[in-house]
Amino acid sequence: MSDKERIKEKPREKLVQLKHELDRERRLAAEYKEHLQRLAADFENYRKRVEKEREDFIRFSKEDLIHEFLPILDNFEMALHHVKNTTEPKKIIEGIELVERQFHNILKKEGLEVIETKGKKFNPHIHEAIIHEETNKYSEDLIIKELRKGYILGGKVIRPAQVRVAKHTKQHEISKKSEARNPKSETISNNQNPNVPNKDK
């Protein structure tokens, strides 16, 4: 092969090589695209599966909870029946108390806790002060009365307890400040004061 023929052959070989490389890159791109499409499809299937599992969990959780409330509903309906057909208040009260106990037992089993208020100081994180009552009978910020129960579920306050809170009167506060500034000192009687003559002598 002459030099001229070799010179003509080199660009042709280069072109063929480039064409092979381009075909190879196209195949790789098609493989990557197919792989990404499979990943996207897998992720979409996973998302739908998780969403369905979440919906099933919520539905079955409700079902379990409602199933536990059914005996309470039975007893409540029975209590209403007794109210209409009995003249004995004691039986009516016993029926209502039974329903209340069952209610509290189920809620407690589900992790519900009643917020304590009796003898407690007001805590804005778990209590809601509906009334501030001016009084000197109780210490400042002591809860005097619970107006509505509050509840905690799983460590989270889902409803604060509504309470009436003691608030000292202004006169009481003035007296306390005055006592703090002027502590009581012992008075010296005339008999004990050396500067006052004793009349008995």
Protein backbone atom coordinates (compact mmCIF):
# COMPACT_ATOMS: atom_id res chain seq x y z
CA MET A 1 0.00 0.00 0.00
CA SER A 2 1.39 3.38 -1.03
CA ASP A 3 1.86 6.31 1.32
CA LYS A 4 -1.06 8.17 -0.28
CA GLU A 5 -3.33 5.21 0.24
CA ARG A 6 -2.19 4.96 3.88
CA ILE A 7 -2.95 8.67 4.41
CA LYS A 8 -6.45 8.19 2.99
CA GLU A 9 -7.03 5.04 5.08
CA LYS A 10 -6.24 6.68 8.48
CA PRO A 11 -9.24 9.08 8.57
CA ARG A 12 -11.48 6.23 7.53
CA GLU A 13 -10.17 4.05 10.37
CA LYS A 14 -10.59 6.94 12.78
CA LEU A 15 -14.17 7.44 11.62
CA VAL A 16 -14.96 3.75 12.09
CA GLN A 17 -13.39 3.83 15.56
CA LEU A 18 -15.44 6.89 16.52
CA LYS A 19 -18.56 5.23 15.20
CA HIS A 20 -17.89 2.16 17.36
CA GLU A 21 -17.31 4.33 20.41
CA LEU A 22 -20.52 6.27 19.72
CA ASP A 23 -22.48 3.04 19.41
CA ARG A 24 -20.97 1.81 22.67
CA GLU A 25 -21.90 5.05 24.48
CA ARG A 26 -25.41 4.85 23.09
CA ARG A 27 -25.77 1.30 24.38
CA LEU A 28 -24.50 2.39 27.81
CA ALA A 29 -26.90 5.35 27.85
CA ALA A 30 -29.79 3.06 26.96
CA GLU A 31 -28.76 0.65 29.74
CA TYR A 32 -28.53 3.51 32.27
CA LYS A 33 -31.92 4.82 31.18
CA GLU A 34 -33.48 1.39 31.54
CA HIS A 35 -31.87 0.98 34.96
CA LEU A 36 -33.17 4.36 36.13
CA GLN A 37 -36.64 3.54 34.86
CA ARG A 38 -36.59 0.28 36.82
CA LEU A 39 -35.43 2.16 39.94
CA ALA A 40 -38.20 4.74 39.51
CA ALA A 41 -40.79 1.98 39.09
CA ASP A 42 -39.45 0.12 42.15
CA PHE A 43 -39.57 3.31 44.21
CA GLU A 44 -43.14 4.06 43.11
CA ASN A 45 -44.19 0.52 44.04
CA TYR A 46 -42.44 0.90 47.41
CA ARG A 47 -44.17 4.25 48.04
CA LYS A 48 -47.58 2.76 47.23
CA ARG A 49 -46.89 -0.26 49.46
CA VAL A 50 -45.83 1.93 52.41
CA GLU A 51 -48.89 4.16 51.95
CA LYS A 52 -51.19 1.12 51.90
CA GLU A 53 -49.49 -0.35 55.00
CA ARG A 54 -49.94 2.99 56.80
CA GLU A 55 -53.62 3.16 55.85
CA ASP A 56 -54.11 -0.47 56.94
CA PHE A 57 -52.35 0.23 60.24
CA ILE A 58 -54.58 3.23 60.95
CA ARG A 59 -57.72 1.31 59.95
CA PHE A 60 -56.86 -1.76 62.04
CA SER A 61 -55.83 0.42 65.00
CA LYS A 62 -59.22 2.12 64.87
CA GLU A 63 -60.89 -1.26 64.58
CA ASP A 64 -59.11 -2.59 67.68
CA LEU A 65 -59.94 0.54 69.69
CA ILE A 66 -63.59 0.56 68.58
CA HIS A 67 -63.85 -3.14 69.42
CA GLU A 68 -62.71 -2.36 72.98
CA PHE A 69 -65.35 0.38 73.27
CA LEU A 70 -68.22 -1.89 72.23
CA PRO A 71 -68.74 -3.42 75.73
CA ILE A 72 -68.91 0.11 77.12
CA LEU A 73 -71.56 0.98 74.58
CA ASP A 74 -73.48 -2.17 75.57
CA ASN A 75 -73.37 -1.21 79.25
CA PHE A 76 -74.29 2.37 78.51
CA GLU A 77 -77.34 1.27 76.55
CA MET A 78 -78.23 -1.11 79.38
CA ALA A 79 -77.91 1.75 81.89
CA LEU A 80 -80.23 3.89 79.77
CA HIS A 81 -82.72 1.02 79.67
CA HIS A 82 -82.64 0.82 83.48
CA VAL A 83 -83.15 4.58 83.74
CA LYS A 84 -86.35 4.22 81.76
CA ASN A 85 -87.58 1.11 83.54
CA THR A 86 -86.51 1.38 87.16
CA THR A 87 -87.29 3.62 90.08
CA GLU A 88 -84.16 2.65 92.03
CA PRO A 89 -81.55 5.42 91.72
CA LYS A 90 -78.85 3.18 93.19
CA LYS A 91 -78.93 0.79 90.22
CA ILE A 92 -78.78 3.70 87.79
CA ILE A 93 -75.73 5.17 89.55
CA GLU A 94 -74.01 1.76 89.66
CA GLY A 95 -74.56 1.30 85.92
CA ILE A 96 -73.14 4.72 85.07
CA GLU A 97 -70.15 4.18 87.37
CA LEU A 98 -69.45 0.84 85.65
CA VAL A 99 -69.40 2.54 82.25
CA GLU A 100 -67.06 5.23 83.58
CA ARG A 101 -64.64 2.65 85.03
CA GLN A 102 -64.54 0.72 81.77
CA PHE A 103 -63.90 3.90 79.85
CA HIS A 104 -61.00 4.91 82.08
CA ASN A 105 -59.48 1.40 82.03
CA ILE A 106 -59.41 1.27 78.22
CA LEU A 107 -57.94 4.76 77.90
CA LYS A 108 -55.33 3.97 80.55
CA LYS A 109 -54.37 0.80 78.69
CA GLU A 110 -53.86 2.90 75.56
CA GLY A 111 -51.37 5.07 77.50
CA LEU A 112 -53.62 7.94 78.52
CA GLU A 113 -52.72 9.64 81.81
CA VAL A 114 -54.80 12.10 83.82
CA ILE A 115 -53.00 15.34 84.71
CA GLU A 116 -52.86 15.77 88.48
CA THR A 117 -54.25 18.99 89.93
CA LYS A 118 -55.17 18.35 93.57
CA GLY A 119 -52.73 20.08 95.90
CA LYS A 120 -50.48 21.00 92.96
CA LYS A 121 -48.90 24.30 92.01
CA PHE A 122 -50.03 25.80 88.72
CA ASN A 123 -47.83 24.65 85.82
CA PRO A 124 -48.49 26.46 82.50
CA HIS A 125 -47.12 23.48 80.55
CA ILE A 126 -49.90 21.14 81.73
CA HIS A 127 -52.51 23.43 83.30
CA GLU A 128 -54.73 26.15 81.86
CA ALA A 129 -55.76 28.84 84.34
CA ILE A 130 -59.39 29.73 83.62
CA ILE A 131 -59.92 31.70 86.84
CA HIS A 132 -57.46 33.52 89.11
CA GLU A 133 -59.16 33.84 92.48
CA GLU A 134 -57.93 36.50 94.88
CA THR A 135 -57.58 34.82 98.26
CA ASN A 136 -55.15 34.63 101.16
CA LYS A 137 -56.39 31.21 102.34
CA TYR A 138 -54.06 29.36 99.95
CA SER A 139 -50.46 29.81 98.86
CA GLU A 140 -49.81 31.74 95.67
CA ASP A 141 -50.42 29.77 92.41
CA LEU A 142 -51.92 26.79 94.25
CA ILE A 143 -54.69 25.06 92.29
CA ILE A 144 -57.92 25.54 94.22
CA LYS A 145 -60.27 23.58 91.97
CA GLU A 146 -60.19 21.50 88.82
CA LEU A 147 -62.71 22.71 86.25
CA ARG A 148 -61.97 20.18 83.50
CA LYS A 149 -59.66 17.18 83.44
CA GLY A 150 -56.51 17.28 81.37
CA TYR A 151 -54.73 14.35 79.71
CA ILE A 152 -51.26 13.24 78.59
CA LEU A 153 -50.73 10.61 75.90
CA GLY A 154 -47.27 9.16 75.31
CA GLY A 155 -45.65 12.00 77.25
CA LYS A 156 -47.46 14.66 75.19
CA VAL A 157 -50.15 16.95 76.61
CA ILE A 158 -53.18 16.43 74.38
CA ARG A 159 -55.43 18.57 76.58
CA PRO A 160 -54.33 20.77 79.50
CA ALA A 161 -56.30 20.64 82.73
CA GLN A 162 -58.49 23.71 83.23
CA VAL A 163 -58.17 25.00 86.79
CA ARG A 164 -58.93 27.77 89.26
CA VAL A 165 -55.74 29.21 90.74
CA ALA A 166 -55.12 31.12 93.97
CA LYS A 167 -53.85 34.65 93.61
CA HIS A 168 -52.91 36.68 96.68
CA THR A 169 -54.67 40.00 97.17
CA LYS A 170 -52.73 43.22 96.68
CA GLN A 171 -53.06 44.06 100.36
CA HIS A 172 -51.53 40.72 101.26
CA GLU A 173 -48.59 41.34 98.93
CA ILE A 174 -48.08 44.83 100.39
CA SER A 175 -48.07 43.35 103.91
CA LYS A 176 -45.52 40.72 102.93
CA LYS A 177 -43.20 43.32 101.36
CA SER A 178 -43.58 45.54 104.41
CA GLU A 179 -42.70 42.68 106.76
CA ALA A 180 -39.68 41.85 104.64
CA ARG A 181 -38.44 45.45 104.81
CA ASN A 182 -39.26 45.97 108.54
CA PRO A 183 -38.80 42.74 110.50
CA LYS A 184 -40.46 42.71 113.91
CA SER A 185 -38.11 43.73 116.70
CA GLU A 186 -38.51 43.03 120.33
CA THR A 187 -39.96 45.98 122.24
CA ILE A 188 -38.40 46.97 125.52
CA SER A 189 -40.87 47.70 128.25
CA ASN A 190 -40.50 50.67 130.52
CA ASN A 191 -39.41 48.37 133.37
CA GLN A 192 -36.61 46.97 131.18
CA ASN A 193 -35.50 50.34 129.79
CA PRO A 194 -32.75 51.77 131.95
CA ASN A 195 -33.49 55.32 130.79
CA VAL A 196 -37.03 55.29 132.23
CA PRO A 197 -37.19 55.60 136.02
CA ASN A 198 -39.09 52.92 137.90
CA LYS A 199 -42.03 54.48 139.67
CA ASP A 200 -42.22 51.65 142.19
CA LYS A 201 -38.84 52.56 143.59
